[in-house]
Amino acid sequence: MSTNILLNSINDVKTFVNTVSKCSCDVDLVSGRYIVDAKSIMGIFSLDLSKPIEIRVSDGADKEKLLEDIAPFIVK
């Protein structure tokens, strides 16, 4: 499953990482040719945060819960 998110501030990044870290499934962020672990705050800051970033969530028991929790960051 993949969708796009937008992280506008340092606070957004911290909140996002704390939320994603609670999930047991693998979560990656893709920006161009770069792929980083969404649970890594340093990895996220290495990406261009001025535009939406693709998030890829692997199948897991708590995938639906994660999508609900990150809903404020999802770009429609």
PDB file of N, CA and C in Angstrom:
ATOM      1  N   MET A   1       0.838  -1.160   0.000  1.00  0.00           N
ATOM      2  CA  MET A   1       0.000   0.000   0.000  1.00  0.00           C
ATOM      3  C   MET A   1       0.888   1.229   0.000  1.00  0.00           C
ATOM      4  N   SER A   2       0.555   2.215  -0.809  1.00  0.00           N
ATOM      5  CA  SER A   2       1.316   3.452  -0.799  1.00  0.00           C
ATOM      6  C   SER A   2       0.389   4.647  -0.989  1.00  0.00           C
ATOM      7  N   THR A   3       0.795   5.775  -0.424  1.00  0.00           N
ATOM      8  CA  THR A   3       0.083   7.037  -0.550  1.00  0.00           C
ATOM      9  C   THR A   3       1.102   8.147  -0.355  1.00  0.00           C
ATOM     10  N   ASN A   4       0.692   9.392  -0.463  1.00  0.00           N
ATOM     11  CA  ASN A   4       1.602  10.519  -0.281  1.00  0.00           C
ATOM     12  C   ASN A   4       1.305  11.245   1.016  1.00  0.00           C
ATOM     13  N   ILE A   5       2.368  11.735   1.657  1.00  0.00           N
ATOM     14  CA  ILE A   5       2.242  12.509   2.885  1.00  0.00           C
ATOM     15  C   ILE A   5       3.012  13.809   2.726  1.00  0.00           C
ATOM     16  N   LEU A   6       2.712  14.765   3.581  1.00  0.00           N
ATOM     17  CA  LEU A   6       3.427  16.034   3.605  1.00  0.00           C
ATOM     18  C   LEU A   6       3.762  16.367   5.049  1.00  0.00           C
ATOM     19  N   LEU A   7       5.048  16.597   5.301  1.00  0.00           N
ATOM     20  CA  LEU A   7       5.527  16.944   6.631  1.00  0.00           C
ATOM     21  C   LEU A   7       6.020  18.386   6.563  1.00  0.00           C
ATOM     22  N   ASN A   8       5.268  19.319   7.146  1.00  0.00           N
ATOM     23  CA  ASN A   8       5.547  20.749   6.993  1.00  0.00           C
ATOM     24  C   ASN A   8       6.510  21.336   8.013  1.00  0.00           C
ATOM     25  N   SER A   9       6.683  20.674   9.148  1.00  0.00           N
ATOM     26  CA  SER A   9       7.509  21.262  10.207  1.00  0.00           C
ATOM     27  C   SER A   9       8.286  20.178  10.955  1.00  0.00           C
ATOM     28  N   ILE A  10       9.210  20.631  11.768  1.00  0.00           N
ATOM     29  CA  ILE A  10       9.992  19.702  12.601  1.00  0.00           C
ATOM     30  C   ILE A  10       9.052  18.962  13.545  1.00  0.00           C
ATOM     31  N   ASN A  11       8.058  19.660  14.064  1.00  0.00           N
ATOM     32  CA  ASN A  11       7.081  19.030  14.959  1.00  0.00           C
ATOM     33  C   ASN A  11       6.309  17.926  14.243  1.00  0.00           C
ATOM     34  N   ASP A  12       5.939  18.175  12.976  1.00  0.00           N
ATOM     35  CA  ASP A  12       5.256  17.150  12.181  1.00  0.00           C
ATOM     36  C   ASP A  12       6.125  15.908  12.040  1.00  0.00           C
ATOM     37  N   VAL A  13       7.414  16.111  11.774  1.00  0.00           N
ATOM     38  CA  VAL A  13       8.326  14.975  11.604  1.00  0.00           C
ATOM     39  C   VAL A  13       8.429  14.182  12.896  1.00  0.00           C
ATOM     40  N   LYS A  14       8.567  14.867  14.030  1.00  0.00           N
ATOM     41  CA  LYS A  14       8.666  14.164  15.315  1.00  0.00           C
ATOM     42  C   LYS A  14       7.397  13.380  15.618  1.00  0.00           C
ATOM     43  N   THR A  15       6.253  14.002  15.403  1.00  0.00           N
ATOM     44  CA  THR A  15       4.976  13.322  15.638  1.00  0.00           C
ATOM     45  C   THR A  15       4.822  12.118  14.720  1.00  0.00           C
ATOM     46  N   PHE A  16       5.166  12.301  13.453  1.00  0.00           N
ATOM     47  CA  PHE A  16       5.068  11.221  12.465  1.00  0.00           C
ATOM     48  C   PHE A  16       5.956  10.039  12.861  1.00  0.00           C
ATOM     49  N   VAL A  17       7.216  10.299  13.214  1.00  0.00           N
ATOM     50  CA  VAL A  17       8.141   9.221  13.591  1.00  0.00           C
ATOM     51  C   VAL A  17       7.652   8.500  14.840  1.00  0.00           C
ATOM     52  N   ASN A  18       7.170   9.236  15.826  1.00  0.00           N
ATOM     53  CA  ASN A  18       6.648   8.598  17.043  1.00  0.00           C
ATOM     54  C   ASN A  18       5.453   7.708  16.729  1.00  0.00           C
ATOM     55  N   THR A  19       4.600   8.142  15.822  1.00  0.00           N
ATOM     56  CA  THR A  19       3.421   7.365  15.439  1.00  0.00           C
ATOM     57  C   THR A  19       3.814   6.112  14.673  1.00  0.00           C
ATOM     58  N   VAL A  20       4.685   6.270  13.691  1.00  0.00           N
ATOM     59  CA  VAL A  20       5.094   5.143  12.847  1.00  0.00           C
ATOM     60  C   VAL A  20       5.906   4.122  13.644  1.00  0.00           C
ATOM     61  N   SER A  21       6.677   4.584  14.628  1.00  0.00           N
ATOM     62  CA  SER A  21       7.512   3.676  15.420  1.00  0.00           C
ATOM     63  C   SER A  21       6.688   2.681  16.228  1.00  0.00           C
ATOM     64  N   LYS A  22       5.435   2.994  16.491  1.00  0.00           N
ATOM     65  CA  LYS A  22       4.559   2.086  17.232  1.00  0.00           C
ATOM     66  C   LYS A  22       4.065   0.926  16.373  1.00  0.00           C
ATOM     67  N   CYS A  23       4.203   1.052  15.055  1.00  0.00           N
ATOM     68  CA  CYS A  23       3.717   0.043  14.115  1.00  0.00           C
ATOM     69  C   CYS A  23       4.752  -1.068  13.947  1.00  0.00           C
ATOM     70  N   SER A  24       4.297  -2.304  13.913  1.00  0.00           N
ATOM     71  CA  SER A  24       5.226  -3.426  13.757  1.00  0.00           C
ATOM     72  C   SER A  24       5.571  -3.710  12.299  1.00  0.00           C
ATOM     73  N   CYS A  25       4.797  -3.164  11.349  1.00  0.00           N
ATOM     74  CA  CYS A  25       5.067  -3.429   9.932  1.00  0.00           C
ATOM     75  C   CYS A  25       6.167  -2.486   9.416  1.00  0.00           C
ATOM     76  N   ASP A  26       6.752  -2.868   8.282  1.00  0.00           N
ATOM     77  CA  ASP A  26       7.790  -2.043   7.667  1.00  0.00           C
ATOM     78  C   ASP A  26       7.152  -0.853   6.969  1.00  0.00           C
ATOM     79  N   VAL A  27       7.737   0.327   7.193  1.00  0.00           N
ATOM     80  CA  VAL A  27       7.226   1.560   6.587  1.00  0.00           C
ATOM     81  C   VAL A  27       8.424   2.299   5.988  1.00  0.00           C
ATOM     82  N   ASP A  28       8.337   2.609   4.692  1.00  0.00           N
ATOM     83  CA  ASP A  28       9.403   3.322   3.998  1.00  0.00           C
ATOM     84  C   ASP A  28       8.866   4.606   3.399  1.00  0.00           C
ATOM     85  N   LEU A  29       9.757   5.592   3.270  1.00  0.00           N
ATOM     86  CA  LEU A  29       9.431   6.827   2.573  1.00  0.00           C
ATOM     87  C   LEU A  29      10.261   6.882   1.299  1.00  0.00           C
ATOM     88  N   VAL A  30       9.624   7.264   0.193  1.00  0.00           N
ATOM     89  CA  VAL A  30      10.289   7.296  -1.103  1.00  0.00           C
ATOM     90  C   VAL A  30      10.212   8.711  -1.656  1.00  0.00           C
ATOM     91  N   SER A  31      11.382   9.257  -1.969  1.00  0.00           N
ATOM     92  CA  SER A  31      11.469  10.585  -2.571  1.00  0.00           C
ATOM     93  C   SER A  31      12.456  10.502  -3.720  1.00  0.00           C
ATOM     94  N   GLY A  32      11.914  10.483  -4.944  1.00  0.00           N
ATOM     95  CA  GLY A  32      12.790  10.311  -6.107  1.00  0.00           C
ATOM     96  C   GLY A  32      13.426   8.938  -6.076  1.00  0.00           C
ATOM     97  N   ARG A  33      14.753   8.904  -6.088  1.00  0.00           N
ATOM     98  CA  ARG A  33      15.451   7.617  -6.057  1.00  0.00           C
ATOM     99  C   ARG A  33      15.896   7.211  -4.653  1.00  0.00           C
ATOM    100  N   TYR A  34      15.510   8.006  -3.663  1.00  0.00           N
ATOM    101  CA  TYR A  34      15.896   7.724  -2.285  1.00  0.00           C
ATOM    102  C   TYR A  34      14.769   7.026  -1.537  1.00  0.00           C
ATOM    103  N   ILE A  35      15.137   5.999  -0.780  1.00  0.00           N
ATOM    104  CA  ILE A  35      14.197   5.271   0.065  1.00  0.00           C
ATOM    105  C   ILE A  35      14.784   5.238   1.473  1.00  0.00           C
ATOM    106  N   VAL A  36      14.019   5.719   2.449  1.00  0.00           N
ATOM    107  CA  VAL A  36      14.481   5.702   3.839  1.00  0.00           C
ATOM    108  C   VAL A  36      13.435   5.051   4.729  1.00  0.00           C
ATOM    109  N   ASP A  37      13.905   4.547   5.851  1.00  0.00           N
ATOM    110  CA  ASP A  37      13.018   3.959   6.857  1.00  0.00           C
ATOM    111  C   ASP A  37      12.209   5.087   7.505  1.00  0.00           C
ATOM    112  N   ALA A  38      10.892   4.977   7.505  1.00  0.00           N
ATOM    113  CA  ALA A  38      10.032   6.025   8.058  1.00  0.00           C
ATOM    114  C   ALA A  38      10.156   6.130   9.576  1.00  0.00           C
ATOM    115  N   LYS A  39      10.806   5.177  10.202  1.00  0.00           N
ATOM    116  CA  LYS A  39      10.989   5.213  11.654  1.00  0.00           C
ATOM    117  C   LYS A  39      12.291   5.924  12.030  1.00  0.00           C
ATOM    118  N   SER A  40      13.034   6.401  11.022  1.00  0.00           N
ATOM    119  CA  SER A  40      14.317   7.070  11.239  1.00  0.00           C
ATOM    120  C   SER A  40      14.166   8.577  11.053  1.00  0.00           C
ATOM    121  N   ILE A  41      14.280   9.317  12.135  1.00  0.00           N
ATOM    122  CA  ILE A  41      14.137  10.767  12.049  1.00  0.00           C
ATOM    123  C   ILE A  41      15.268  11.369  11.218  1.00  0.00           C
ATOM    124  N   MET A  42      16.479  10.828  11.335  1.00  0.00           N
ATOM    125  CA  MET A  42      17.608  11.323  10.533  1.00  0.00           C
ATOM    126  C   MET A  42      17.385  11.036   9.053  1.00  0.00           C
ATOM    127  N   GLY A  43      16.830   9.871   8.753  1.00  0.00           N
ATOM    128  CA  GLY A  43      16.546   9.522   7.368  1.00  0.00           C
ATOM    129  C   GLY A  43      15.533  10.470   6.754  1.00  0.00           C
ATOM    130  N   ILE A  44      14.509  10.813   7.512  1.00  0.00           N
ATOM    131  CA  ILE A  44      13.471  11.716   7.010  1.00  0.00           C
ATOM    132  C   ILE A  44      14.054  13.101   6.737  1.00  0.00           C
ATOM    133  N   PHE A  45      14.917  13.588   7.619  1.00  0.00           N
ATOM    134  CA  PHE A  45      15.499  14.912   7.413  1.00  0.00           C
ATOM    135  C   PHE A  45      16.476  14.941   6.239  1.00  0.00           C
ATOM    136  N   SER A  46      16.869  13.784   5.726  1.00  0.00           N
ATOM    137  CA  SER A  46      17.742  13.753   4.553  1.00  0.00           C
ATOM    138  C   SER A  46      16.942  13.903   3.255  1.00  0.00           C
ATOM    139  N   LEU A  47      15.613  13.871   3.353  1.00  0.00           N
ATOM    140  CA  LEU A  47      14.751  13.996   2.178  1.00  0.00           C
ATOM    141  C   LEU A  47      14.331  15.450   1.963  1.00  0.00           C
ATOM    142  N   ASP A  48      13.850  15.741   0.755  1.00  0.00           N
ATOM    143  CA  ASP A  48      13.301  17.058   0.427  1.00  0.00           C
ATOM    144  C   ASP A  48      11.871  17.115   0.978  1.00  0.00           C
ATOM    145  N   LEU A  49      11.683  17.845   2.067  1.00  0.00           N
ATOM    146  CA  LEU A  49      10.380  17.904   2.731  1.00  0.00           C
ATOM    147  C   LEU A  49       9.486  19.013   2.196  1.00  0.00           C
ATOM    148  N   SER A  50       9.941  19.701   1.156  1.00  0.00           N
ATOM    149  CA  SER A  50       9.141  20.802   0.611  1.00  0.00           C
ATOM    150  C   SER A  50       8.018  20.317  -0.311  1.00  0.00           C
ATOM    151  N   LYS A  51       8.032  19.041  -0.640  1.00  0.00           N
ATOM    152  CA  LYS A  51       6.994  18.475  -1.503  1.00  0.00           C
ATOM    153  C   LYS A  51       6.509  17.157  -0.903  1.00  0.00           C
ATOM    154  N   PRO A  52       5.352  16.654  -1.370  1.00  0.00           N
ATOM    155  CA  PRO A  52       4.840  15.386  -0.816  1.00  0.00           C
ATOM    156  C   PRO A  52       5.818  14.226  -1.023  1.00  0.00           C
ATOM    157  N   ILE A  53       5.809  13.306  -0.075  1.00  0.00           N
ATOM    158  CA  ILE A  53       6.680  12.126  -0.077  1.00  0.00           C
ATOM    159  C   ILE A  53       5.793  10.895  -0.114  1.00  0.00           C
ATOM    160  N   GLU A  54       6.187   9.922  -0.906  1.00  0.00           N
ATOM    161  CA  GLU A  54       5.423   8.673  -0.973  1.00  0.00           C
ATOM    162  C   GLU A  54       5.751   7.822   0.246  1.00  0.00           C
ATOM    163  N   ILE A  55       4.728   7.280   0.867  1.00  0.00           N
ATOM    164  CA  ILE A  55       4.912   6.359   1.995  1.00  0.00           C
ATOM    165  C   ILE A  55       4.441   4.982   1.551  1.00  0.00           C
ATOM    166  N   ARG A  56       5.261   3.970   1.826  1.00  0.00           N
ATOM    167  CA  ARG A  56       4.926   2.587   1.492  1.00  0.00           C
ATOM    168  C   ARG A  56       4.849   1.779   2.786  1.00  0.00           C
ATOM    169  N   VAL A  57       3.697   1.156   2.988  1.00  0.00           N
ATOM    170  CA  VAL A  57       3.462   0.369   4.199  1.00  0.00           C
ATOM    171  C   VAL A  57       3.309  -1.087   3.794  1.00  0.00           C
ATOM    172  N   SER A  58       4.124  -1.967   4.398  1.00  0.00           N
ATOM    173  CA  SER A  58       4.004  -3.397   4.118  1.00  0.00           C
ATOM    174  C   SER A  58       2.810  -3.956   4.878  1.00  0.00           C
ATOM    175  N   ASP A  59       2.368  -5.126   4.461  1.00  0.00           N
ATOM    176  CA  ASP A  59       1.234  -5.755   5.132  1.00  0.00           C
ATOM    177  C   ASP A  59       1.595  -6.111   6.565  1.00  0.00           C
ATOM    178  N   GLY A  60       0.676  -5.854   7.444  1.00  0.00           N
ATOM    179  CA  GLY A  60       0.872  -6.166   8.857  1.00  0.00           C
ATOM    180  C   GLY A  60      -0.451  -6.053   9.578  1.00  0.00           C
ATOM    181  N   ALA A  61      -0.492  -6.594  10.775  1.00  0.00           N
ATOM    182  CA  ALA A  61      -1.731  -6.631  11.540  1.00  0.00           C
ATOM    183  C   ALA A  61      -2.233  -5.235  11.897  1.00  0.00           C
ATOM    184  N   ASP A  62      -1.308  -4.291  12.102  1.00  0.00           N
ATOM    185  CA  ASP A  62      -1.728  -2.961  12.535  1.00  0.00           C
ATOM    186  C   ASP A  62      -1.622  -1.906  11.432  1.00  0.00           C
ATOM    187  N   LYS A  63      -1.650  -2.337  10.175  1.00  0.00           N
ATOM    188  CA  LYS A  63      -1.547  -1.411   9.042  1.00  0.00           C
ATOM    189  C   LYS A  63      -2.714  -0.430   9.011  1.00  0.00           C
ATOM    190  N   GLU A  64      -3.924  -0.912   9.221  1.00  0.00           N
ATOM    191  CA  GLU A  64      -5.106  -0.041   9.198  1.00  0.00           C
ATOM    192  C   GLU A  64      -5.055   0.995  10.319  1.00  0.00           C
ATOM    193  N   LYS A  65      -4.603   0.585  11.491  1.00  0.00           N
ATOM    194  CA  LYS A  65      -4.466   1.509  12.625  1.00  0.00           C
ATOM    195  C   LYS A  65      -3.453   2.596  12.296  1.00  0.00           C
ATOM    196  N   LEU A  66      -2.339   2.215  11.653  1.00  0.00           N
ATOM    197  CA  LEU A  66      -1.321   3.182  11.274  1.00  0.00           C
ATOM    198  C   LEU A  66      -1.893   4.217  10.304  1.00  0.00           C
ATOM    199  N   LEU A  67      -2.645   3.767   9.325  1.00  0.00           N
ATOM    200  CA  LEU A  67      -3.228   4.689   8.346  1.00  0.00           C
ATOM    201  C   LEU A  67      -4.170   5.688   9.010  1.00  0.00           C
ATOM    202  N   GLU A  68      -4.903   5.246  10.026  1.00  0.00           N
ATOM    203  CA  GLU A  68      -5.769   6.159  10.773  1.00  0.00           C
ATOM    204  C   GLU A  68      -4.928   7.183  11.542  1.00  0.00           C
ATOM    205  N   ASP A  69      -3.840   6.713  12.143  1.00  0.00           N
ATOM    206  CA  ASP A  69      -3.012   7.589  12.965  1.00  0.00           C
ATOM    207  C   ASP A  69      -2.257   8.647  12.154  1.00  0.00           C
ATOM    208  N   ILE A  70      -1.886   8.309  10.913  1.00  0.00           N
ATOM    209  CA  ILE A  70      -1.134   9.279  10.090  1.00  0.00           C
ATOM    210  C   ILE A  70      -2.045  10.068   9.153  1.00  0.00           C
ATOM    211  N   ALA A  71      -3.345   9.926   9.301  1.00  0.00           N
ATOM    212  CA  ALA A  71      -4.305  10.618   8.435  1.00  0.00           C
ATOM    213  C   ALA A  71      -4.070  12.130   8.319  1.00  0.00           C
ATOM    214  N   PRO A  72      -3.669  12.833   9.393  1.00  0.00           N
ATOM    215  CA  PRO A  72      -3.436  14.286   9.248  1.00  0.00           C
ATOM    216  C   PRO A  72      -2.310  14.637   8.264  1.00  0.00           C
ATOM    217  N   PHE A  73      -1.406  13.701   8.000  1.00  0.00           N
ATOM    218  CA  PHE A  73      -0.268  13.977   7.126  1.00  0.00           C
ATOM    219  C   PHE A  73      -0.518  13.562   5.678  1.00  0.00           C
ATOM    220  N   ILE A  74      -1.582  12.797   5.441  1.00  0.00           N
ATOM    221  CA  ILE A  74      -1.846  12.269   4.096  1.00  0.00           C
ATOM    222  C   ILE A  74      -2.365  13.381   3.188  1.00  0.00           C
ATOM    223  N   VAL A  75      -1.775  13.436   1.981  1.00  0.00           N
ATOM    224  CA  VAL A  75      -2.173  14.417   0.970  1.00  0.00           C
ATOM    225  C   VAL A  75      -3.173  13.743   0.033  1.00  0.00           C
ATOM    226  N   LYS A  76      -4.310  14.372  -0.153  1.00  0.00           N
ATOM    227  CA  LYS A  76      -5.345  13.789  -1.013  1.00  0.00           C
ATOM    228  C   LYS A  76      -5.194  14.278  -2.435  1.00  0.00           C
TER     229      LYS A  76
END
